[in-house]
Amino acid sequence: MNITIPKELADEIEKLTPSRKRSSFIAEALRQKVKDLQRERIEKELEEGYKVRRNESLTFAREFECVDMEGWDEY
């Protein structure tokens, strides 16, 4: 794979990493970015799912509300 990055970024990478470690540095940075993007995608999908199921969840909660309080002492 060949990639092109801005010269300023390449200069910073050269300053921060030894020459024999640059590929692994870039690979690790990309792994982290991919992981972050995957997490963001999953969180967005979960949020959308929760929104879609909101009314259904509220209906279930209302149906079982009286049972939920059984056995609790009155305060």
PDB file of N, CA and C in Angstrom:
ATOM      1  N   MET A   1       0.847  -1.164   0.000  1.00  0.00           N
ATOM      2  CA  MET A   1       0.000   0.000   0.000  1.00  0.00           C
ATOM      3  C   MET A   1       0.894   1.229   0.000  1.00  0.00           C
ATOM      4  N   ASN A   2       0.556   2.156  -0.835  1.00  0.00           N
ATOM      5  CA  ASN A   2       1.258   3.444  -0.858  1.00  0.00           C
ATOM      6  C   ASN A   2       0.285   4.514  -0.400  1.00  0.00           C
ATOM      7  N   ILE A   3       0.760   5.390   0.451  1.00  0.00           N
ATOM      8  CA  ILE A   3      -0.074   6.491   0.911  1.00  0.00           C
ATOM      9  C   ILE A   3       0.699   7.792   0.783  1.00  0.00           C
ATOM     10  N   THR A   4      -0.025   8.877   0.759  1.00  0.00           N
ATOM     11  CA  THR A   4       0.590  10.194   0.723  1.00  0.00           C
ATOM     12  C   THR A   4       0.083  10.961   1.936  1.00  0.00           C
ATOM     13  N   ILE A   5       0.998  11.565   2.658  1.00  0.00           N
ATOM     14  CA  ILE A   5       0.610  12.378   3.811  1.00  0.00           C
ATOM     15  C   ILE A   5       1.235  13.763   3.649  1.00  0.00           C
ATOM     16  N   PRO A   6       0.651  14.749   4.287  1.00  0.00           N
ATOM     17  CA  PRO A   6       1.219  16.096   4.193  1.00  0.00           C
ATOM     18  C   PRO A   6       2.659  16.135   4.713  1.00  0.00           C
ATOM     19  N   LYS A   7       3.480  16.950   4.088  1.00  0.00           N
ATOM     20  CA  LYS A   7       4.892  17.052   4.461  1.00  0.00           C
ATOM     21  C   LYS A   7       5.064  17.419   5.925  1.00  0.00           C
ATOM     22  N   GLU A   8       4.219  18.328   6.432  1.00  0.00           N
ATOM     23  CA  GLU A   8       4.335  18.745   7.834  1.00  0.00           C
ATOM     24  C   GLU A   8       4.143  17.540   8.776  1.00  0.00           C
ATOM     25  N   LEU A   9       3.196  16.671   8.442  1.00  0.00           N
ATOM     26  CA  LEU A   9       2.946  15.489   9.259  1.00  0.00           C
ATOM     27  C   LEU A   9       4.123  14.515   9.158  1.00  0.00           C
ATOM     28  N   ALA A  10       4.633  14.339   7.959  1.00  0.00           N
ATOM     29  CA  ALA A  10       5.798  13.463   7.775  1.00  0.00           C
ATOM     30  C   ALA A  10       6.990  13.983   8.575  1.00  0.00           C
ATOM     31  N   ASP A  11       7.182  15.287   8.578  1.00  0.00           N
ATOM     32  CA  ASP A  11       8.285  15.878   9.345  1.00  0.00           C
ATOM     33  C   ASP A  11       8.125  15.611  10.843  1.00  0.00           C
ATOM     34  N   GLU A  12       6.901  15.764  11.342  1.00  0.00           N
ATOM     35  CA  GLU A  12       6.636  15.505  12.764  1.00  0.00           C
ATOM     36  C   GLU A  12       6.907  14.036  13.112  1.00  0.00           C
ATOM     37  N   ILE A  13       6.473  13.138  12.247  1.00  0.00           N
ATOM     38  CA  ILE A  13       6.707  11.702  12.491  1.00  0.00           C
ATOM     39  C   ILE A  13       8.201  11.413  12.503  1.00  0.00           C
ATOM     40  N   GLU A  14       8.940  12.016  11.585  1.00  0.00           N
ATOM     41  CA  GLU A  14      10.392  11.823  11.549  1.00  0.00           C
ATOM     42  C   GLU A  14      11.051  12.318  12.829  1.00  0.00           C
ATOM     43  N   LYS A  15      10.557  13.426  13.377  1.00  0.00           N
ATOM     44  CA  LYS A  15      11.124  13.964  14.615  1.00  0.00           C
ATOM     45  C   LYS A  15      10.821  13.075  15.820  1.00  0.00           C
ATOM     46  N   LEU A  16       9.649  12.482  15.821  1.00  0.00           N
ATOM     47  CA  LEU A  16       9.181  11.742  16.991  1.00  0.00           C
ATOM     48  C   LEU A  16       9.580  10.262  17.026  1.00  0.00           C
ATOM     49  N   THR A  17       9.919   9.692  15.889  1.00  0.00           N
ATOM     50  CA  THR A  17      10.183   8.249  15.854  1.00  0.00           C
ATOM     51  C   THR A  17      11.519   7.931  15.193  1.00  0.00           C
ATOM     52  N   PRO A  18      12.166   6.883  15.686  1.00  0.00           N
ATOM     53  CA  PRO A  18      13.392   6.431  15.002  1.00  0.00           C
ATOM     54  C   PRO A  18      13.042   5.909  13.608  1.00  0.00           C
ATOM     55  N   SER A  19      13.979   5.983  12.689  1.00  0.00           N
ATOM     56  CA  SER A  19      13.706   5.623  11.294  1.00  0.00           C
ATOM     57  C   SER A  19      13.203   4.180  11.138  1.00  0.00           C
ATOM     58  N   ARG A  20      13.689   3.254  11.942  1.00  0.00           N
ATOM     59  CA  ARG A  20      13.284   1.853  11.825  1.00  0.00           C
ATOM     60  C   ARG A  20      11.942   1.559  12.500  1.00  0.00           C
ATOM     61  N   LYS A  21      11.372   2.544  13.160  1.00  0.00           N
ATOM     62  CA  LYS A  21      10.118   2.336  13.890  1.00  0.00           C
ATOM     63  C   LYS A  21       8.933   3.068  13.269  1.00  0.00           C
ATOM     64  N   ARG A  22       9.135   3.773  12.179  1.00  0.00           N
ATOM     65  CA  ARG A  22       8.065   4.603  11.614  1.00  0.00           C
ATOM     66  C   ARG A  22       6.887   3.786  11.102  1.00  0.00           C
ATOM     67  N   SER A  23       7.144   2.697  10.441  1.00  0.00           N
ATOM     68  CA  SER A  23       6.041   1.875   9.925  1.00  0.00           C
ATOM     69  C   SER A  23       5.177   1.350  11.051  1.00  0.00           C
ATOM     70  N   SER A  24       5.800   0.866  12.122  1.00  0.00           N
ATOM     71  CA  SER A  24       5.006   0.353  13.236  1.00  0.00           C
ATOM     72  C   SER A  24       4.265   1.490  13.947  1.00  0.00           C
ATOM     73  N   PHE A  25       4.883   2.670  14.022  1.00  0.00           N
ATOM     74  CA  PHE A  25       4.217   3.835  14.611  1.00  0.00           C
ATOM     75  C   PHE A  25       2.958   4.198  13.818  1.00  0.00           C
ATOM     76  N   ILE A  26       3.094   4.250  12.513  1.00  0.00           N
ATOM     77  CA  ILE A  26       1.960   4.590  11.655  1.00  0.00           C
ATOM     78  C   ILE A  26       0.892   3.508  11.725  1.00  0.00           C
ATOM     79  N   ALA A  27       1.302   2.241  11.718  1.00  0.00           N
ATOM     80  CA  ALA A  27       0.338   1.145  11.818  1.00  0.00           C
ATOM     81  C   ALA A  27      -0.442   1.221  13.125  1.00  0.00           C
ATOM     82  N   GLU A  28       0.238   1.502  14.223  1.00  0.00           N
ATOM     83  CA  GLU A  28      -0.435   1.599  15.524  1.00  0.00           C
ATOM     84  C   GLU A  28      -1.396   2.792  15.556  1.00  0.00           C
ATOM     85  N   ALA A  29      -0.993   3.905  14.978  1.00  0.00           N
ATOM     86  CA  ALA A  29      -1.873   5.078  14.910  1.00  0.00           C
ATOM     87  C   ALA A  29      -3.129   4.760  14.097  1.00  0.00           C
ATOM     88  N   LEU A  30      -2.957   4.049  13.001  1.00  0.00           N
ATOM     89  CA  LEU A  30      -4.103   3.667  12.179  1.00  0.00           C
ATOM     90  C   LEU A  30      -5.001   2.667  12.912  1.00  0.00           C
ATOM     91  N   ARG A  31      -4.403   1.718  13.629  1.00  0.00           N
ATOM     92  CA  ARG A  31      -5.204   0.771  14.425  1.00  0.00           C
ATOM     93  C   ARG A  31      -6.084   1.513  15.422  1.00  0.00           C
ATOM     94  N   GLN A  32      -5.495   2.476  16.112  1.00  0.00           N
ATOM     95  CA  GLN A  32      -6.238   3.248  17.100  1.00  0.00           C
ATOM     96  C   GLN A  32      -7.359   4.041  16.445  1.00  0.00           C
ATOM     97  N   LYS A  33      -7.090   4.650  15.303  1.00  0.00           N
ATOM     98  CA  LYS A  33      -8.114   5.430  14.600  1.00  0.00           C
ATOM     99  C   LYS A  33      -9.251   4.529  14.136  1.00  0.00           C
ATOM    100  N   VAL A  34      -8.922   3.365  13.596  1.00  0.00           N
ATOM    101  CA  VAL A  34      -9.946   2.413  13.158  1.00  0.00           C
ATOM    102  C   VAL A  34     -10.791   1.971  14.353  1.00  0.00           C
ATOM    103  N   LYS A  35     -10.144   1.680  15.459  1.00  0.00           N
ATOM    104  CA  LYS A  35     -10.853   1.278  16.678  1.00  0.00           C
ATOM    105  C   LYS A  35     -11.804   2.382  17.141  1.00  0.00           C
ATOM    106  N   ASP A  36     -11.336   3.627  17.129  1.00  0.00           N
ATOM    107  CA  ASP A  36     -12.172   4.764  17.519  1.00  0.00           C
ATOM    108  C   ASP A  36     -13.376   4.910  16.593  1.00  0.00           C
ATOM    109  N   LEU A  37     -13.155   4.786  15.294  1.00  0.00           N
ATOM    110  CA  LEU A  37     -14.243   4.902  14.328  1.00  0.00           C
ATOM    111  C   LEU A  37     -15.261   3.772  14.504  1.00  0.00           C
ATOM    112  N   GLN A  38     -14.772   2.552  14.760  1.00  0.00           N
ATOM    113  CA  GLN A  38     -15.679   1.430  14.988  1.00  0.00           C
ATOM    114  C   GLN A  38     -16.522   1.672  16.237  1.00  0.00           C
ATOM    115  N   ARG A  39     -15.891   2.158  17.304  1.00  0.00           N
ATOM    116  CA  ARG A  39     -16.617   2.449  18.545  1.00  0.00           C
ATOM    117  C   ARG A  39     -17.681   3.514  18.304  1.00  0.00           C
ATOM    118  N   GLU A  40     -17.326   4.573  17.583  1.00  0.00           N
ATOM    119  CA  GLU A  40     -18.287   5.632  17.275  1.00  0.00           C
ATOM    120  C   GLU A  40     -19.469   5.088  16.478  1.00  0.00           C
ATOM    121  N   ARG A  41     -19.188   4.209  15.508  1.00  0.00           N
ATOM    122  CA  ARG A  41     -20.255   3.630  14.684  1.00  0.00           C
ATOM    123  C   ARG A  41     -21.194   2.784  15.536  1.00  0.00           C
ATOM    124  N   ILE A  42     -20.634   1.966  16.419  1.00  0.00           N
ATOM    125  CA  ILE A  42     -21.444   1.118  17.291  1.00  0.00           C
ATOM    126  C   ILE A  42     -22.287   1.971  18.234  1.00  0.00           C
ATOM    127  N   GLU A  43     -21.686   3.005  18.815  1.00  0.00           N
ATOM    128  CA  GLU A  43     -22.433   3.888  19.716  1.00  0.00           C
ATOM    129  C   GLU A  43     -23.589   4.570  18.988  1.00  0.00           C
ATOM    130  N   LYS A  44     -23.358   4.985  17.752  1.00  0.00           N
ATOM    131  CA  LYS A  44     -24.413   5.620  16.964  1.00  0.00           C
ATOM    132  C   LYS A  44     -25.525   4.619  16.660  1.00  0.00           C
ATOM    133  N   GLU A  45     -25.162   3.400  16.285  1.00  0.00           N
ATOM    134  CA  GLU A  45     -26.166   2.374  16.004  1.00  0.00           C
ATOM    135  C   GLU A  45     -26.981   2.044  17.253  1.00  0.00           C
ATOM    136  N   LEU A  46     -26.319   1.959  18.401  1.00  0.00           N
ATOM    137  CA  LEU A  46     -27.032   1.691  19.649  1.00  0.00           C
ATOM    138  C   LEU A  46     -27.992   2.831  19.982  1.00  0.00           C
ATOM    139  N   GLU A  47     -27.521   4.054  19.828  1.00  0.00           N
ATOM    140  CA  GLU A  47     -28.365   5.213  20.111  1.00  0.00           C
ATOM    141  C   GLU A  47     -29.599   5.208  19.214  1.00  0.00           C
ATOM    142  N   GLU A  48     -29.405   4.934  17.938  1.00  0.00           N
ATOM    143  CA  GLU A  48     -30.534   4.884  17.009  1.00  0.00           C
ATOM    144  C   GLU A  48     -31.502   3.762  17.399  1.00  0.00           C
ATOM    145  N   GLY A  49     -30.957   2.620  17.805  1.00  0.00           N
ATOM    146  CA  GLY A  49     -31.799   1.504  18.225  1.00  0.00           C
ATOM    147  C   GLY A  49     -32.597   1.837  19.469  1.00  0.00           C
ATOM    148  N   TYR A  50     -31.953   2.490  20.423  1.00  0.00           N
ATOM    149  CA  TYR A  50     -32.662   2.891  21.642  1.00  0.00           C
ATOM    150  C   TYR A  50     -33.789   3.861  21.315  1.00  0.00           C
ATOM    151  N   LYS A  51     -33.542   4.788  20.401  1.00  0.00           N
ATOM    152  CA  LYS A  51     -34.571   5.756  20.030  1.00  0.00           C
ATOM    153  C   LYS A  51     -35.754   5.057  19.363  1.00  0.00           C
ATOM    154  N   VAL A  52     -35.469   4.090  18.495  1.00  0.00           N
ATOM    155  CA  VAL A  52     -36.526   3.363  17.803  1.00  0.00           C
ATOM    156  C   VAL A  52     -37.362   2.560  18.799  1.00  0.00           C
ATOM    157  N   ARG A  53     -36.727   1.983  19.803  1.00  0.00           N
ATOM    158  CA  ARG A  53     -37.413   1.127  20.780  1.00  0.00           C
ATOM    159  C   ARG A  53     -37.945   1.892  22.001  1.00  0.00           C
ATOM    160  N   ARG A  54     -37.781   3.195  22.027  1.00  0.00           N
ATOM    161  CA  ARG A  54     -38.168   3.984  23.196  1.00  0.00           C
ATOM    162  C   ARG A  54     -39.618   3.758  23.593  1.00  0.00           C
ATOM    163  N   ASN A  55     -40.536   3.914  22.659  1.00  0.00           N
ATOM    164  CA  ASN A  55     -41.955   3.770  22.979  1.00  0.00           C
ATOM    165  C   ASN A  55     -42.283   2.354  23.452  1.00  0.00           C
ATOM    166  N   GLU A  56     -41.667   1.376  22.815  1.00  0.00           N
ATOM    167  CA  GLU A  56     -41.881  -0.014  23.224  1.00  0.00           C
ATOM    168  C   GLU A  56     -41.413  -0.226  24.664  1.00  0.00           C
ATOM    169  N   SER A  57     -40.257   0.315  25.013  1.00  0.00           N
ATOM    170  CA  SER A  57     -39.719   0.171  26.368  1.00  0.00           C
ATOM    171  C   SER A  57     -40.621   0.853  27.393  1.00  0.00           C
ATOM    172  N   LEU A  58     -41.117   2.026  27.055  1.00  0.00           N
ATOM    173  CA  LEU A  58     -42.012   2.736  27.962  1.00  0.00           C
ATOM    174  C   LEU A  58     -43.313   1.964  28.179  1.00  0.00           C
ATOM    175  N   THR A  59     -43.824   1.350  27.125  1.00  0.00           N
ATOM    176  CA  THR A  59     -45.045   0.555  27.238  1.00  0.00           C
ATOM    177  C   THR A  59     -44.823  -0.623  28.177  1.00  0.00           C
ATOM    178  N   PHE A  60     -43.727  -1.335  28.019  1.00  0.00           N
ATOM    179  CA  PHE A  60     -43.416  -2.463  28.913  1.00  0.00           C
ATOM    180  C   PHE A  60     -43.270  -1.993  30.354  1.00  0.00           C
ATOM    181  N   ALA A  61     -42.589  -0.880  30.539  1.00  0.00           N
ATOM    182  CA  ALA A  61     -42.379  -0.366  31.895  1.00  0.00           C
ATOM    183  C   ALA A  61     -43.717  -0.034  32.550  1.00  0.00           C
ATOM    184  N   ARG A  62     -44.615   0.570  31.796  1.00  0.00           N
ATOM    185  CA  ARG A  62     -45.930   0.906  32.354  1.00  0.00           C
ATOM    186  C   ARG A  62     -46.730  -0.353  32.697  1.00  0.00           C
ATOM    187  N   GLU A  63     -46.631  -1.369  31.833  1.00  0.00           N
ATOM    188  CA  GLU A  63     -47.374  -2.612  32.058  1.00  0.00           C
ATOM    189  C   GLU A  63     -46.945  -3.310  33.352  1.00  0.00           C
ATOM    190  N   PHE A  64     -45.692  -3.224  33.688  1.00  0.00           N
ATOM    191  CA  PHE A  64     -45.170  -3.946  34.850  1.00  0.00           C
ATOM    192  C   PHE A  64     -44.924  -3.035  36.054  1.00  0.00           C
ATOM    193  N   GLU A  65     -45.319  -1.796  35.958  1.00  0.00           N
ATOM    194  CA  GLU A  65     -45.085  -0.838  37.032  1.00  0.00           C
ATOM    195  C   GLU A  65     -45.680  -1.296  38.364  1.00  0.00           C
ATOM    196  N   CYS A  66     -46.902  -1.801  38.338  1.00  0.00           N
ATOM    197  CA  CYS A  66     -47.533  -2.224  39.587  1.00  0.00           C
ATOM    198  C   CYS A  66     -46.826  -3.439  40.177  1.00  0.00           C
ATOM    199  N   VAL A  67     -46.343  -4.342  39.362  1.00  0.00           N
ATOM    200  CA  VAL A  67     -45.626  -5.527  39.838  1.00  0.00           C
ATOM    201  C   VAL A  67     -44.264  -5.141  40.402  1.00  0.00           C
ATOM    202  N   ASP A  68     -43.631  -4.171  39.786  1.00  0.00           N
ATOM    203  CA  ASP A  68     -42.317  -3.727  40.255  1.00  0.00           C
ATOM    204  C   ASP A  68     -42.361  -3.232  41.696  1.00  0.00           C
ATOM    205  N   MET A  69     -43.466  -2.651  42.103  1.00  0.00           N
ATOM    206  CA  MET A  69     -43.564  -2.062  43.436  1.00  0.00           C
ATOM    207  C   MET A  69     -44.080  -3.054  44.490  1.00  0.00           C
ATOM    208  N   GLU A  70     -44.508  -4.236  44.066  1.00  0.00           N
ATOM    209  CA  GLU A  70     -45.004  -5.222  45.032  1.00  0.00           C
ATOM    210  C   GLU A  70     -43.909  -5.628  46.001  1.00  0.00           C
ATOM    211  N   GLY A  71     -44.263  -5.741  47.266  1.00  0.00           N
ATOM    212  CA  GLY A  71     -43.319  -6.183  48.274  1.00  0.00           C
ATOM    213  C   GLY A  71     -42.456  -5.086  48.851  1.00  0.00           C
ATOM    214  N   TRP A  72     -42.557  -3.879  48.332  1.00  0.00           N
ATOM    215  CA  TRP A  72     -41.797  -2.774  48.866  1.00  0.00           C
ATOM    216  C   TRP A  72     -42.595  -2.121  49.992  1.00  0.00           C
ATOM    217  N   ASP A  73     -41.951  -1.842  51.068  1.00  0.00           N
ATOM    218  CA  ASP A  73     -42.619  -1.142  52.151  1.00  0.00           C
ATOM    219  C   ASP A  73     -42.937   0.285  51.724  1.00  0.00           C
ATOM    220  N   GLU A  74     -44.054   0.769  52.206  1.00  0.00           N
ATOM    221  CA  GLU A  74     -44.425   2.158  51.922  1.00  0.00           C
ATOM    222  C   GLU A  74     -43.609   3.067  52.831  1.00  0.00           C
ATOM    223  N   TYR A  75     -43.148   4.153  52.302  1.00  0.00           N
ATOM    224  CA  TYR A  75     -42.375   5.108  53.091  1.00  0.00           C
ATOM    225  C   TYR A  75     -43.155   6.369  53.264  1.00  0.00           C
TER     226      TYR A  75
END
